[in-house]
Amino acid sequence: MGKIIFDTATSINGWIADENNSLDWLFAVEGGEHPDEGLFPTGITVMVEGSTTYEWMLAQEDILNHPEKWQGFHGTRPTFLFTARDLPVPEGADVRIVSGAVTDHIDAIREAAADGDIWVVGGGDLAGQFLDAGLLDEIAVSVAPVALTGGAPLLPRRVESDRLRLVSAKAHGQFARLVYEVVR
């Protein structure tokens, strides 16, 4: 069984999206448009997203009109979309819309992942739900040299230091890559 990883980029003051739920600030950073290979998780066979992340990606890349762009980020991996709304799915994309608690769907997510890892792409609250349920194994954060005035917080939970163990800290271009193991 693979790991469940929350892997995201953040501003230096802890925002993963700005007040408009945009990531334009991230792509403006040198290397943000085409991140180093070390800034993405490997071994991922399933992705998990919340509706804000999903809708931003659809709009940003005009994916509904250009469904081939879905493959650029998601590949052919199944994507579990947590939402209470009926959202459009790009043609040819394996998007499985679910609602409710992450614990209600973890068996299906793990089954789809087989022995591969599961990437909780965003947002922070969804990752927090995996953490609250004792399902999150790792938090990987790429810190960008940007400060935002508000937006979506990295992880809207109080997490004490006894829950996280630093595995690595490395520079990747303009980004600081921090990887933490979640202690149960």
C-alpha atoms as a PDB file:
ATOM      1  CA  MET A   1       0.000   0.000   0.000  1.00  0.00           C
ATOM      2  CA  GLY A   2       1.352   3.391  -1.031  1.00  0.00           C
ATOM      3  CA  LYS A   3       1.500   6.636   0.901  1.00  0.00           C
ATOM      4  CA  ILE A   4      -1.011   9.474   0.988  1.00  0.00           C
ATOM      5  CA  ILE A   5       0.885  12.704   0.333  1.00  0.00           C
ATOM      6  CA  PHE A   6      -0.232  16.322   0.530  1.00  0.00           C
ATOM      7  CA  ASP A   7       2.148  18.051  -1.874  1.00  0.00           C
ATOM      8  CA  THR A   8       1.683  21.723  -2.634  1.00  0.00           C
ATOM      9  CA  ALA A   9       3.363  25.067  -3.157  1.00  0.00           C
ATOM     10  CA  THR A  10       2.941  27.901  -0.690  1.00  0.00           C
ATOM     11  CA  SER A  11       3.920  31.518  -0.261  1.00  0.00           C
ATOM     12  CA  ILE A  12       6.449  32.266   2.470  1.00  0.00           C
ATOM     13  CA  ASN A  13       3.581  33.393   4.689  1.00  0.00           C
ATOM     14  CA  GLY A  14       1.503  30.246   4.229  1.00  0.00           C
ATOM     15  CA  TRP A  15      -1.027  30.834   1.438  1.00  0.00           C
ATOM     16  CA  ILE A  16      -1.544  28.227  -1.307  1.00  0.00           C
ATOM     17  CA  ALA A  17      -3.835  30.456  -3.375  1.00  0.00           C
ATOM     18  CA  ASP A  18      -4.496  34.173  -3.314  1.00  0.00           C
ATOM     19  CA  GLU A  19      -7.761  35.940  -2.426  1.00  0.00           C
ATOM     20  CA  ASN A  20      -9.155  35.077  -5.884  1.00  0.00           C
ATOM     21  CA  ASN A  21      -8.210  31.389  -5.538  1.00  0.00           C
ATOM     22  CA  SER A  22      -5.554  32.000  -8.182  1.00  0.00           C
ATOM     23  CA  LEU A  23      -2.090  30.497  -8.517  1.00  0.00           C
ATOM     24  CA  ASP A  24      -0.848  33.148 -10.939  1.00  0.00           C
ATOM     25  CA  TRP A  25       1.577  34.345  -8.241  1.00  0.00           C
ATOM     26  CA  LEU A  26       3.184  30.884  -8.260  1.00  0.00           C
ATOM     27  CA  PHE A  27       3.687  30.742 -12.021  1.00  0.00           C
ATOM     28  CA  ALA A  28       5.307  34.194 -11.943  1.00  0.00           C
ATOM     29  CA  VAL A  29       8.189  32.800  -9.838  1.00  0.00           C
ATOM     30  CA  GLU A  30      11.250  31.778 -11.836  1.00  0.00           C
ATOM     31  CA  GLY A  31      10.799  28.027 -12.325  1.00  0.00           C
ATOM     32  CA  GLY A  32       7.135  28.164 -11.276  1.00  0.00           C
ATOM     33  CA  GLU A  33       5.759  27.631 -14.767  1.00  0.00           C
ATOM     34  CA  HIS A  34       7.930  24.548 -15.357  1.00  0.00           C
ATOM     35  CA  PRO A  35       8.993  23.259 -11.920  1.00  0.00           C
ATOM     36  CA  ASP A  36      12.132  21.166 -11.385  1.00  0.00           C
ATOM     37  CA  GLU A  37      11.526  17.438 -11.423  1.00  0.00           C
ATOM     38  CA  GLY A  38      12.195  17.296  -7.669  1.00  0.00           C
ATOM     39  CA  LEU A  39       9.204  19.530  -6.956  1.00  0.00           C
ATOM     40  CA  PHE A  40       6.587  16.919  -7.785  1.00  0.00           C
ATOM     41  CA  PRO A  41       5.890  13.641  -6.042  1.00  0.00           C
ATOM     42  CA  THR A  42       6.831  10.449  -7.865  1.00  0.00           C
ATOM     43  CA  GLY A  43       5.056   7.100  -7.788  1.00  0.00           C
ATOM     44  CA  ILE A  44       1.620   8.739  -7.862  1.00  0.00           C
ATOM     45  CA  THR A  45      -1.179   6.580  -9.261  1.00  0.00           C
ATOM     46  CA  VAL A  46      -4.215   8.529  -7.952  1.00  0.00           C
ATOM     47  CA  MET A  47      -4.906  12.213  -7.400  1.00  0.00           C
ATOM     48  CA  VAL A  48      -7.392  13.765  -4.966  1.00  0.00           C
ATOM     49  CA  GLU A  49      -8.686  17.330  -5.321  1.00  0.00           C
ATOM     50  CA  GLY A  50     -11.218  19.682  -3.835  1.00  0.00           C
ATOM     51  CA  SER A  51     -13.621  21.651  -6.002  1.00  0.00           C
ATOM     52  CA  THR A  52     -11.803  25.000  -5.746  1.00  0.00           C
ATOM     53  CA  THR A  53      -8.546  23.508  -7.030  1.00  0.00           C
ATOM     54  CA  TYR A  54     -10.371  21.548  -9.729  1.00  0.00           C
ATOM     55  CA  GLU A  55     -12.420  24.511 -10.980  1.00  0.00           C
ATOM     56  CA  TRP A  56      -9.368  26.784 -11.038  1.00  0.00           C
ATOM     57  CA  MET A  57      -7.457  24.248 -13.139  1.00  0.00           C
ATOM     58  CA  LEU A  58     -10.369  23.860 -15.562  1.00  0.00           C
ATOM     59  CA  ALA A  59     -10.684  27.634 -15.998  1.00  0.00           C
ATOM     60  CA  GLN A  60      -6.964  28.454 -16.053  1.00  0.00           C
ATOM     61  CA  GLU A  61      -6.200  26.029 -18.875  1.00  0.00           C
ATOM     62  CA  ASP A  62      -9.641  26.179 -20.561  1.00  0.00           C
ATOM     63  CA  ILE A  63      -9.666  22.402 -20.183  1.00  0.00           C
ATOM     64  CA  LEU A  64     -13.339  21.884 -20.997  1.00  0.00           C
ATOM     65  CA  ASN A  65     -12.695  23.331 -24.472  1.00  0.00           C
ATOM     66  CA  HIS A  66      -9.253  21.692 -24.696  1.00  0.00           C
ATOM     67  CA  PRO A  67      -9.612  18.371 -22.851  1.00  0.00           C
ATOM     68  CA  GLU A  68      -6.203  17.211 -24.089  1.00  0.00           C
ATOM     69  CA  LYS A  69      -4.660  19.656 -21.597  1.00  0.00           C
ATOM     70  CA  TRP A  70      -5.984  17.495 -18.737  1.00  0.00           C
ATOM     71  CA  GLN A  71      -3.360  14.873 -19.561  1.00  0.00           C
ATOM     72  CA  GLY A  72      -0.539  17.412 -19.158  1.00  0.00           C
ATOM     73  CA  PHE A  73      -0.953  17.505 -15.384  1.00  0.00           C
ATOM     74  CA  HIS A  74      -3.128  14.541 -14.467  1.00  0.00           C
ATOM     75  CA  GLY A  75      -2.001  12.041 -17.069  1.00  0.00           C
ATOM     76  CA  THR A  76      -4.302   9.026 -17.142  1.00  0.00           C
ATOM     77  CA  ARG A  77      -4.481   8.773 -13.348  1.00  0.00           C
ATOM     78  CA  PRO A  78      -7.899   8.562 -11.717  1.00  0.00           C
ATOM     79  CA  THR A  79      -8.786  11.793  -9.924  1.00  0.00           C
ATOM     80  CA  PHE A  80     -11.177  11.760  -6.976  1.00  0.00           C
ATOM     81  CA  LEU A  81     -12.965  15.101  -6.808  1.00  0.00           C
ATOM     82  CA  PHE A  82     -14.487  15.967  -3.424  1.00  0.00           C
ATOM     83  CA  THR A  83     -17.447  18.275  -3.970  1.00  0.00           C
ATOM     84  CA  ALA A  84     -21.096  18.615  -3.054  1.00  0.00           C
ATOM     85  CA  ARG A  85     -21.870  20.058  -6.500  1.00  0.00           C
ATOM     86  CA  ASP A  86     -22.358  18.574  -9.945  1.00  0.00           C
ATOM     87  CA  LEU A  87     -19.266  19.775 -11.840  1.00  0.00           C
ATOM     88  CA  PRO A  88     -18.324  19.200 -15.480  1.00  0.00           C
ATOM     89  CA  VAL A  89     -15.744  16.555 -16.345  1.00  0.00           C
ATOM     90  CA  PRO A  90     -13.330  16.999 -19.256  1.00  0.00           C
ATOM     91  CA  GLU A  91     -13.851  14.563 -22.099  1.00  0.00           C
ATOM     92  CA  GLY A  92     -11.682  11.475 -21.609  1.00  0.00           C
ATOM     93  CA  ALA A  93     -10.687  12.341 -18.020  1.00  0.00           C
ATOM     94  CA  ASP A  94     -11.079   9.752 -15.264  1.00  0.00           C
ATOM     95  CA  VAL A  95     -12.713  12.033 -12.678  1.00  0.00           C
ATOM     96  CA  ARG A  96     -14.668  10.347  -9.912  1.00  0.00           C
ATOM     97  CA  ILE A  97     -16.926  12.822  -8.129  1.00  0.00           C
ATOM     98  CA  VAL A  98     -17.462  12.042  -4.449  1.00  0.00           C
ATOM     99  CA  SER A  99     -18.878  13.912  -1.472  1.00  0.00           C
ATOM    100  CA  GLY A 100     -18.833  13.508   2.255  1.00  0.00           C
ATOM    101  CA  ALA A 101     -16.067  12.435   4.590  1.00  0.00           C
ATOM    102  CA  VAL A 102     -12.735  11.236   3.219  1.00  0.00           C
ATOM    103  CA  THR A 103     -13.155   8.121   5.355  1.00  0.00           C
ATOM    104  CA  ASP A 104     -16.266   7.233   3.322  1.00  0.00           C
ATOM    105  CA  HIS A 105     -14.141   7.012   0.161  1.00  0.00           C
ATOM    106  CA  ILE A 106     -10.693   5.912   1.315  1.00  0.00           C
ATOM    107  CA  ASP A 107     -11.243   2.265   0.361  1.00  0.00           C
ATOM    108  CA  ALA A 108     -12.138   3.207  -3.226  1.00  0.00           C
ATOM    109  CA  ILE A 109      -9.216   5.651  -3.407  1.00  0.00           C
ATOM    110  CA  ARG A 110      -6.756   3.033  -2.140  1.00  0.00           C
ATOM    111  CA  GLU A 111      -8.178   0.415  -4.489  1.00  0.00           C
ATOM    112  CA  ALA A 112      -7.709   2.742  -7.465  1.00  0.00           C
ATOM    113  CA  ALA A 113      -4.151   3.507  -6.322  1.00  0.00           C
ATOM    114  CA  ALA A 114      -3.218  -0.200  -5.997  1.00  0.00           C
ATOM    115  CA  ASP A 115       0.356  -0.104  -4.649  1.00  0.00           C
ATOM    116  CA  GLY A 116       1.017   3.476  -5.799  1.00  0.00           C
ATOM    117  CA  ASP A 117       0.951   6.704  -3.855  1.00  0.00           C
ATOM    118  CA  ILE A 118      -2.033   9.048  -3.555  1.00  0.00           C
ATOM    119  CA  TRP A 119      -1.464  12.769  -4.139  1.00  0.00           C
ATOM    120  CA  VAL A 120      -3.768  15.148  -2.296  1.00  0.00           C
ATOM    121  CA  VAL A 121      -3.280  18.057  -4.700  1.00  0.00           C
ATOM    122  CA  GLY A 122      -5.391  20.594  -2.859  1.00  0.00           C
ATOM    123  CA  GLY A 123      -6.700  22.352  -1.100  1.00  0.00           C
ATOM    124  CA  GLY A 124      -5.468  22.712   2.399  1.00  0.00           C
ATOM    125  CA  ASP A 125      -8.791  21.950   4.024  1.00  0.00           C
ATOM    126  CA  LEU A 126      -9.112  18.680   2.114  1.00  0.00           C
ATOM    127  CA  ALA A 127      -5.577  17.735   3.169  1.00  0.00           C
ATOM    128  CA  GLY A 128      -6.576  18.650   6.728  1.00  0.00           C
ATOM    129  CA  GLN A 129      -9.494  16.230   6.531  1.00  0.00           C
ATOM    130  CA  PHE A 130      -7.075  13.429   5.576  1.00  0.00           C
ATOM    131  CA  LEU A 131      -4.828  14.497   8.477  1.00  0.00           C
ATOM    132  CA  ASP A 132      -7.741  14.606  10.927  1.00  0.00           C
ATOM    133  CA  ALA A 133      -8.747  11.077   9.887  1.00  0.00           C
ATOM    134  CA  GLY A 134      -5.216   9.766  10.473  1.00  0.00           C
ATOM    135  CA  LEU A 135      -4.781   9.005   6.772  1.00  0.00           C
ATOM    136  CA  LEU A 136      -2.058  11.462   5.737  1.00  0.00           C
ATOM    137  CA  ASP A 137       1.476  10.037   5.625  1.00  0.00           C
ATOM    138  CA  GLU A 138       3.507  12.963   4.299  1.00  0.00           C
ATOM    139  CA  ILE A 139       3.340  16.715   3.776  1.00  0.00           C
ATOM    140  CA  ALA A 140       5.622  18.142   1.081  1.00  0.00           C
ATOM    141  CA  VAL A 141       5.731  21.905   0.699  1.00  0.00           C
ATOM    142  CA  SER A 142       7.531  23.939  -1.960  1.00  0.00           C
ATOM    143  CA  VAL A 143       7.940  27.420  -0.479  1.00  0.00           C
ATOM    144  CA  ALA A 144       7.994  30.204  -3.077  1.00  0.00           C
ATOM    145  CA  PRO A 145       9.689  33.580  -2.531  1.00  0.00           C
ATOM    146  CA  VAL A 146       6.346  35.377  -2.500  1.00  0.00           C
ATOM    147  CA  ALA A 147       4.278  36.934   0.301  1.00  0.00           C
ATOM    148  CA  LEU A 148       0.527  37.229  -0.215  1.00  0.00           C
ATOM    149  CA  THR A 149      -1.939  39.349   1.741  1.00  0.00           C
ATOM    150  CA  GLY A 150      -4.496  36.558   2.090  1.00  0.00           C
ATOM    151  CA  GLY A 151      -6.201  33.668   0.401  1.00  0.00           C
ATOM    152  CA  ALA A 152      -6.380  29.928   1.034  1.00  0.00           C
ATOM    153  CA  PRO A 153      -4.203  28.803   3.958  1.00  0.00           C
ATOM    154  CA  LEU A 154      -1.670  26.004   3.548  1.00  0.00           C
ATOM    155  CA  LEU A 155      -3.244  23.819   6.229  1.00  0.00           C
ATOM    156  CA  PRO A 156      -6.122  25.363   8.181  1.00  0.00           C
ATOM    157  CA  ARG A 157      -5.495  23.214  11.244  1.00  0.00           C
ATOM    158  CA  ARG A 158      -3.418  23.439  14.353  1.00  0.00           C
ATOM    159  CA  VAL A 159      -0.754  20.764  14.040  1.00  0.00           C
ATOM    160  CA  GLU A 160       1.774  20.485  16.850  1.00  0.00           C
ATOM    161  CA  SER A 161       5.440  19.641  16.262  1.00  0.00           C
ATOM    162  CA  ASP A 162       5.043  16.159  17.755  1.00  0.00           C
ATOM    163  CA  ARG A 163       2.911  15.256  14.681  1.00  0.00           C
ATOM    164  CA  LEU A 164       5.545  16.159  12.071  1.00  0.00           C
ATOM    165  CA  ARG A 165       9.107  14.937  11.517  1.00  0.00           C
ATOM    166  CA  LEU A 166      11.339  16.723   9.015  1.00  0.00           C
ATOM    167  CA  VAL A 167      12.550  14.260   6.363  1.00  0.00           C
ATOM    168  CA  SER A 168      14.337  16.703   4.050  1.00  0.00           C
ATOM    169  CA  ALA A 169      14.894  20.354   3.225  1.00  0.00           C
ATOM    170  CA  LYS A 170      16.405  21.243  -0.157  1.00  0.00           C
ATOM    171  CA  ALA A 171      16.719  24.204  -2.485  1.00  0.00           C
ATOM    172  CA  HIS A 172      15.189  23.773  -5.944  1.00  0.00           C
ATOM    173  CA  GLY A 173      15.847  26.940  -7.895  1.00  0.00           C
ATOM    174  CA  GLN A 174      13.848  29.677  -6.191  1.00  0.00           C
ATOM    175  CA  PHE A 175      11.902  27.177  -4.069  1.00  0.00           C
ATOM    176  CA  ALA A 176      12.647  25.642  -0.683  1.00  0.00           C
ATOM    177  CA  ARG A 177      11.345  22.074  -0.629  1.00  0.00           C
ATOM    178  CA  LEU A 178      10.342  20.783   2.806  1.00  0.00           C
ATOM    179  CA  VAL A 179       9.152  17.222   3.329  1.00  0.00           C
ATOM    180  CA  TYR A 180       7.604  16.083   6.629  1.00  0.00           C
ATOM    181  CA  GLU A 181       6.537  12.661   7.746  1.00  0.00           C
ATOM    182  CA  VAL A 182       3.227  12.713   9.601  1.00  0.00           C
ATOM    183  CA  VAL A 183       3.503  10.919  12.944  1.00  0.00           C
ATOM    184  CA  ARG A 184       0.375   9.086  13.985  1.00  0.00           C
END
